[in-house]
Amino acid sequence: MIKEIPLLLYLNSLTFIIWIITTILFRIKKVKGFVALILSLIFTFFVFYYNYLILFEKPTLQSFEKYENMGKIILKPRVEEHKESPEIFLFVKINDSVIKIGLGDEIEIKKNTTFTIEDVEGIDKENLKVNFVGFVGNQKYNDGQDIGYKINYKDLRKNKAIEKDKYEIEIKKKDKKIGSVFVKFVD
């Protein structure tokens, strides 16, 4: 097999020699020089095209050959680290009954009822906070942890409601929101 680079050098040298011969023929006899000029142009065109193929196209094709056997490349969208999951549940104690609520769910509670957020199940509790948005459990220091505090409608900040009388309970791990449970107060 002939190596491309030595062949390139040979063809470029040959092109240079052909052009010298063409100029000599053109000075000797104009008709033969004109025919040599046409043939020299055709030969030069093919040599330059070969240069282009070897020096520019071939390296590009070789760089993409490694992808030939990979088939289709499927790009997956980036998914958030913590997504609302049905395996995580919030336990709320209402009138001595414990209710299990999944993330993204909404419950209705009467406005005159007092309830307590008891626990979270399905996730490691280290650096976990459950914050009832619009309620401050510890009046001296609001750390955003509302587990164990008695909550009723009259203690809530009404400007923190998502909709009329609808509030959000955020579940966060290391200050990253994992999911929410919604509470709607009814008469």
C-alpha atoms as a PDB file:
ATOM      1  CA  MET A   1       0.000   0.000   0.000  1.00  0.00           C
ATOM      2  CA  ILE A   2       1.334   3.402  -0.956  1.00  0.00           C
ATOM      3  CA  LYS A   3       1.544   5.930   1.879  1.00  0.00           C
ATOM      4  CA  GLU A   4      -0.403   9.110   1.196  1.00  0.00           C
ATOM      5  CA  ILE A   5       2.143  11.725   2.334  1.00  0.00           C
ATOM      6  CA  PRO A   6       5.069  10.541   0.134  1.00  0.00           C
ATOM      7  CA  LEU A   7       2.656  10.280  -2.790  1.00  0.00           C
ATOM      8  CA  LEU A   8       1.470  13.815  -2.049  1.00  0.00           C
ATOM      9  CA  LEU A   9       5.043  15.106  -2.134  1.00  0.00           C
ATOM     10  CA  TYR A  10       5.709  13.247  -5.390  1.00  0.00           C
ATOM     11  CA  LEU A  11       2.535  14.617  -7.076  1.00  0.00           C
ATOM     12  CA  ASN A  12       3.214  18.193  -5.926  1.00  0.00           C
ATOM     13  CA  SER A  13       6.782  17.962  -7.266  1.00  0.00           C
ATOM     14  CA  LEU A  14       5.497  16.511 -10.526  1.00  0.00           C
ATOM     15  CA  THR A  15       3.021  19.409 -10.823  1.00  0.00           C
ATOM     16  CA  PHE A  16       5.852  21.896 -10.414  1.00  0.00           C
ATOM     17  CA  ILE A  17       7.914  20.112 -13.132  1.00  0.00           C
ATOM     18  CA  ILE A  18       4.891  19.982 -15.485  1.00  0.00           C
ATOM     19  CA  TRP A  19       4.417  23.741 -15.154  1.00  0.00           C
ATOM     20  CA  ILE A  20       8.083  24.346 -15.970  1.00  0.00           C
ATOM     21  CA  ILE A  21       7.778  22.138 -19.090  1.00  0.00           C
ATOM     22  CA  THR A  22       4.546  23.969 -20.035  1.00  0.00           C
ATOM     23  CA  THR A  23       6.257  27.373 -19.937  1.00  0.00           C
ATOM     24  CA  ILE A  24       9.162  26.019 -22.036  1.00  0.00           C
ATOM     25  CA  LEU A  25       6.734  24.538 -24.624  1.00  0.00           C
ATOM     26  CA  PHE A  26       4.740  27.790 -24.691  1.00  0.00           C
ATOM     27  CA  ARG A  27       7.892  29.719 -25.601  1.00  0.00           C
ATOM     28  CA  ILE A  28       8.909  27.210 -28.283  1.00  0.00           C
ATOM     29  CA  LYS A  29       5.553  26.743 -29.973  1.00  0.00           C
ATOM     30  CA  LYS A  30       2.353  28.503 -28.942  1.00  0.00           C
ATOM     31  CA  VAL A  31      -0.106  25.722 -29.974  1.00  0.00           C
ATOM     32  CA  LYS A  32       1.776  22.957 -28.127  1.00  0.00           C
ATOM     33  CA  GLY A  33       2.216  25.323 -25.176  1.00  0.00           C
ATOM     34  CA  PHE A  34      -1.531  26.044 -25.113  1.00  0.00           C
ATOM     35  CA  VAL A  35      -2.377  22.280 -25.121  1.00  0.00           C
ATOM     36  CA  ALA A  36       0.241  21.725 -22.384  1.00  0.00           C
ATOM     37  CA  LEU A  37      -1.306  24.591 -20.417  1.00  0.00           C
ATOM     38  CA  ILE A  38      -4.784  22.978 -20.526  1.00  0.00           C
ATOM     39  CA  LEU A  39      -3.388  19.562 -19.526  1.00  0.00           C
ATOM     40  CA  SER A  40      -1.321  21.176 -16.753  1.00  0.00           C
ATOM     41  CA  LEU A  41      -4.413  22.920 -15.360  1.00  0.00           C
ATOM     42  CA  ILE A  42      -6.377  19.641 -15.337  1.00  0.00           C
ATOM     43  CA  PHE A  43      -3.515  17.761 -13.684  1.00  0.00           C
ATOM     44  CA  THR A  44      -3.043  20.571 -11.111  1.00  0.00           C
ATOM     45  CA  PHE A  45      -6.748  20.535 -10.283  1.00  0.00           C
ATOM     46  CA  PHE A  46      -6.681  16.789  -9.538  1.00  0.00           C
ATOM     47  CA  VAL A  47      -3.480  17.099  -7.458  1.00  0.00           C
ATOM     48  CA  PHE A  48      -4.967  19.927  -5.385  1.00  0.00           C
ATOM     49  CA  TYR A  49      -8.161  17.934  -4.909  1.00  0.00           C
ATOM     50  CA  TYR A  50      -6.089  14.944  -3.749  1.00  0.00           C
ATOM     51  CA  ASN A  51      -4.230  17.267  -1.345  1.00  0.00           C
ATOM     52  CA  TYR A  52      -7.560  18.422   0.037  1.00  0.00           C
ATOM     53  CA  LEU A  53      -8.811  14.857   0.515  1.00  0.00           C
ATOM     54  CA  ILE A  54      -5.647  13.647   2.240  1.00  0.00           C
ATOM     55  CA  LEU A  55      -4.891  16.685   4.381  1.00  0.00           C
ATOM     56  CA  PHE A  56      -8.384  17.832   5.373  1.00  0.00           C
ATOM     57  CA  GLU A  57     -11.090  15.244   4.715  1.00  0.00           C
ATOM     58  CA  LYS A  58      -9.297  12.095   5.841  1.00  0.00           C
ATOM     59  CA  PRO A  59      -8.391  13.407   9.347  1.00  0.00           C
ATOM     60  CA  THR A  60     -11.979  14.516   9.829  1.00  0.00           C
ATOM     61  CA  LEU A  61     -13.330  11.119   8.809  1.00  0.00           C
ATOM     62  CA  GLN A  62     -10.825   9.322  11.025  1.00  0.00           C
ATOM     63  CA  SER A  63     -11.881  11.395  14.029  1.00  0.00           C
ATOM     64  CA  PHE A  64     -15.485  10.261  13.536  1.00  0.00           C
ATOM     65  CA  GLU A  65     -14.686   6.569  12.925  1.00  0.00           C
ATOM     66  CA  LYS A  66     -14.638   5.898  16.657  1.00  0.00           C
ATOM     67  CA  TYR A  67     -18.355   6.739  16.751  1.00  0.00           C
ATOM     68  CA  GLU A  68     -19.198   4.357  13.909  1.00  0.00           C
ATOM     69  CA  ASN A  69     -19.928   1.326  16.110  1.00  0.00           C
ATOM     70  CA  MET A  70     -21.690   3.250  18.855  1.00  0.00           C
ATOM     71  CA  GLY A  71     -25.029   3.441  17.099  1.00  0.00           C
ATOM     72  CA  LYS A  72     -27.394   6.142  18.190  1.00  0.00           C
ATOM     73  CA  ILE A  73     -26.337   8.475  20.949  1.00  0.00           C
ATOM     74  CA  ILE A  74     -29.257   9.261  23.189  1.00  0.00           C
ATOM     75  CA  LEU A  75     -28.984  12.316  25.376  1.00  0.00           C
ATOM     76  CA  LYS A  76     -31.020  12.087  28.550  1.00  0.00           C
ATOM     77  CA  PRO A  77     -32.233  15.265  30.195  1.00  0.00           C
ATOM     78  CA  ARG A  78     -30.699  16.151  33.516  1.00  0.00           C
ATOM     79  CA  VAL A  79     -32.989  15.057  36.320  1.00  0.00           C
ATOM     80  CA  GLU A  80     -33.060  16.849  39.639  1.00  0.00           C
ATOM     81  CA  GLU A  81     -31.321  15.030  42.468  1.00  0.00           C
ATOM     82  CA  HIS A  82     -34.410  14.928  44.671  1.00  0.00           C
ATOM     83  CA  LYS A  83     -37.702  14.478  42.958  1.00  0.00           C
ATOM     84  CA  GLU A  84     -41.073  14.040  44.559  1.00  0.00           C
ATOM     85  CA  SER A  85     -41.370  10.376  45.301  1.00  0.00           C
ATOM     86  CA  PRO A  86     -44.430   8.382  46.357  1.00  0.00           C
ATOM     87  CA  GLU A  87     -42.262   6.412  48.802  1.00  0.00           C
ATOM     88  CA  ILE A  88     -41.830   9.430  51.107  1.00  0.00           C
ATOM     89  CA  PHE A  89     -44.722  10.075  53.471  1.00  0.00           C
ATOM     90  CA  LEU A  90     -45.545  12.757  56.007  1.00  0.00           C
ATOM     91  CA  PHE A  91     -47.421  11.778  59.194  1.00  0.00           C
ATOM     92  CA  VAL A  92     -49.843  14.342  60.622  1.00  0.00           C
ATOM     93  CA  LYS A  93     -51.692  13.843  63.912  1.00  0.00           C
ATOM     94  CA  ILE A  94     -55.255  15.221  63.872  1.00  0.00           C
ATOM     95  CA  ASN A  95     -57.624  14.575  66.800  1.00  0.00           C
ATOM     96  CA  ASP A  96     -55.529  11.638  68.109  1.00  0.00           C
ATOM     97  CA  SER A  97     -55.495  10.025  64.650  1.00  0.00           C
ATOM     98  CA  VAL A  98     -52.322   9.815  62.580  1.00  0.00           C
ATOM     99  CA  ILE A  99     -52.782  10.418  58.854  1.00  0.00           C
ATOM    100  CA  LYS A 100     -50.205   9.302  56.274  1.00  0.00           C
ATOM    101  CA  ILE A 101     -49.826  11.771  53.373  1.00  0.00           C
ATOM    102  CA  GLY A 102     -47.750  11.219  50.215  1.00  0.00           C
ATOM    103  CA  LEU A 103     -45.682  13.950  48.602  1.00  0.00           C
ATOM    104  CA  GLY A 104     -47.704  16.154  46.282  1.00  0.00           C
ATOM    105  CA  ASP A 105     -50.984  15.262  48.013  1.00  0.00           C
ATOM    106  CA  GLU A 106     -53.433  17.735  49.529  1.00  0.00           C
ATOM    107  CA  ILE A 107     -55.509  17.294  52.667  1.00  0.00           C
ATOM    108  CA  GLU A 108     -58.409  19.315  53.997  1.00  0.00           C
ATOM    109  CA  ILE A 109     -58.552  20.301  57.657  1.00  0.00           C
ATOM    110  CA  LYS A 110     -61.238  22.290  59.417  1.00  0.00           C
ATOM    111  CA  LYS A 111     -60.156  25.765  60.510  1.00  0.00           C
ATOM    112  CA  ASN A 112     -60.890  25.131  64.193  1.00  0.00           C
ATOM    113  CA  THR A 113     -58.765  21.937  64.309  1.00  0.00           C
ATOM    114  CA  THR A 114     -55.301  21.775  65.874  1.00  0.00           C
ATOM    115  CA  PHE A 115     -52.862  19.296  64.372  1.00  0.00           C
ATOM    116  CA  THR A 116     -49.217  18.259  64.715  1.00  0.00           C
ATOM    117  CA  ILE A 117     -46.663  17.189  62.133  1.00  0.00           C
ATOM    118  CA  GLU A 118     -45.393  13.948  63.652  1.00  0.00           C
ATOM    119  CA  ASP A 119     -42.818  12.331  61.372  1.00  0.00           C
ATOM    120  CA  VAL A 120     -41.495  11.673  57.870  1.00  0.00           C
ATOM    121  CA  GLU A 121     -41.076   8.160  56.514  1.00  0.00           C
ATOM    122  CA  GLY A 122     -39.081   6.888  53.553  1.00  0.00           C
ATOM    123  CA  ILE A 123     -36.023   9.130  53.819  1.00  0.00           C
ATOM    124  CA  ASP A 124     -32.979   9.456  56.053  1.00  0.00           C
ATOM    125  CA  LYS A 125     -33.793  11.973  58.783  1.00  0.00           C
ATOM    126  CA  GLU A 126     -30.302  13.471  59.032  1.00  0.00           C
ATOM    127  CA  ASN A 127     -30.398  17.161  57.963  1.00  0.00           C
ATOM    128  CA  LEU A 128     -34.121  16.809  57.230  1.00  0.00           C
ATOM    129  CA  LYS A 129     -36.508  19.696  57.889  1.00  0.00           C
ATOM    130  CA  VAL A 130     -40.270  19.871  57.607  1.00  0.00           C
ATOM    131  CA  ASN A 131     -41.425  23.478  57.295  1.00  0.00           C
ATOM    132  CA  PHE A 132     -45.054  24.548  57.342  1.00  0.00           C
ATOM    133  CA  VAL A 133     -44.756  27.720  55.261  1.00  0.00           C
ATOM    134  CA  GLY A 134     -46.517  30.502  57.171  1.00  0.00           C
ATOM    135  CA  PHE A 135     -46.083  28.971  60.641  1.00  0.00           C
ATOM    136  CA  VAL A 136     -43.306  29.631  63.142  1.00  0.00           C
ATOM    137  CA  GLY A 137     -42.951  26.822  65.673  1.00  0.00           C
ATOM    138  CA  ASN A 138     -40.123  28.260  67.754  1.00  0.00           C
ATOM    139  CA  GLN A 139     -40.884  31.959  68.248  1.00  0.00           C
ATOM    140  CA  LYS A 140     -37.347  32.747  69.525  1.00  0.00           C
ATOM    141  CA  TYR A 141     -35.501  31.112  66.645  1.00  0.00           C
ATOM    142  CA  ASN A 142     -37.275  30.148  63.412  1.00  0.00           C
ATOM    143  CA  ASP A 143     -35.145  27.260  62.127  1.00  0.00           C
ATOM    144  CA  GLY A 144     -37.773  26.036  59.654  1.00  0.00           C
ATOM    145  CA  GLN A 145     -38.312  22.793  61.584  1.00  0.00           C
ATOM    146  CA  ASP A 146     -41.991  22.409  62.461  1.00  0.00           C
ATOM    147  CA  ILE A 147     -42.144  18.762  63.501  1.00  0.00           C
ATOM    148  CA  GLY A 148     -43.801  18.356  66.893  1.00  0.00           C
ATOM    149  CA  TYR A 149     -45.456  21.797  67.151  1.00  0.00           C
ATOM    150  CA  LYS A 150     -49.201  22.252  67.469  1.00  0.00           C
ATOM    151  CA  ILE A 151     -50.503  24.103  64.428  1.00  0.00           C
ATOM    152  CA  ASN A 152     -53.893  25.734  63.967  1.00  0.00           C
ATOM    153  CA  TYR A 153     -55.344  28.120  61.424  1.00  0.00           C
ATOM    154  CA  LYS A 154     -55.384  31.208  63.649  1.00  0.00           C
ATOM    155  CA  ASP A 155     -51.566  31.005  64.216  1.00  0.00           C
ATOM    156  CA  LEU A 156     -50.730  31.085  60.499  1.00  0.00           C
ATOM    157  CA  ARG A 157     -49.461  34.063  58.522  1.00  0.00           C
ATOM    158  CA  LYS A 158     -52.230  34.565  55.984  1.00  0.00           C
ATOM    159  CA  ASN A 159     -49.905  36.231  53.438  1.00  0.00           C
ATOM    160  CA  LYS A 160     -47.977  32.950  53.032  1.00  0.00           C
ATOM    161  CA  ALA A 161     -50.996  31.075  51.650  1.00  0.00           C
ATOM    162  CA  ILE A 162     -50.580  29.672  48.123  1.00  0.00           C
ATOM    163  CA  GLU A 163     -54.256  30.146  47.400  1.00  0.00           C
ATOM    164  CA  LYS A 164     -57.116  31.146  49.658  1.00  0.00           C
ATOM    165  CA  ASP A 165     -56.617  29.122  52.858  1.00  0.00           C
ATOM    166  CA  LYS A 166     -54.218  26.697  51.141  1.00  0.00           C
ATOM    167  CA  TYR A 167     -50.709  26.278  52.595  1.00  0.00           C
ATOM    168  CA  GLU A 168     -47.603  24.300  51.721  1.00  0.00           C
ATOM    169  CA  ILE A 169     -45.575  21.988  53.949  1.00  0.00           C
ATOM    170  CA  GLU A 170     -42.057  21.755  52.519  1.00  0.00           C
ATOM    171  CA  ILE A 171     -39.800  18.775  53.115  1.00  0.00           C
ATOM    172  CA  LYS A 172     -36.139  19.711  52.722  1.00  0.00           C
ATOM    173  CA  LYS A 173     -32.887  17.810  53.051  1.00  0.00           C
ATOM    174  CA  LYS A 174     -29.711  19.875  53.386  1.00  0.00           C
ATOM    175  CA  ASP A 175     -31.705  22.967  52.304  1.00  0.00           C
ATOM    176  CA  LYS A 176     -32.746  21.243  49.057  1.00  0.00           C
ATOM    177  CA  LYS A 177     -36.470  20.839  48.534  1.00  0.00           C
ATOM    178  CA  ILE A 178     -37.504  17.198  48.206  1.00  0.00           C
ATOM    179  CA  GLY A 179     -41.227  17.696  47.955  1.00  0.00           C
ATOM    180  CA  SER A 180     -44.351  19.268  49.382  1.00  0.00           C
ATOM    181  CA  VAL A 181     -47.654  18.402  50.990  1.00  0.00           C
ATOM    182  CA  PHE A 182     -50.528  20.859  50.799  1.00  0.00           C
ATOM    183  CA  VAL A 183     -53.068  21.709  53.505  1.00  0.00           C
ATOM    184  CA  LYS A 184     -56.395  23.319  52.641  1.00  0.00           C
ATOM    185  CA  PHE A 185     -58.350  24.800  55.543  1.00  0.00           C
ATOM    186  CA  VAL A 186     -62.120  24.566  55.239  1.00  0.00           C
ATOM    187  CA  ASP A 187     -65.038  25.809  57.379  1.00  0.00           C
END
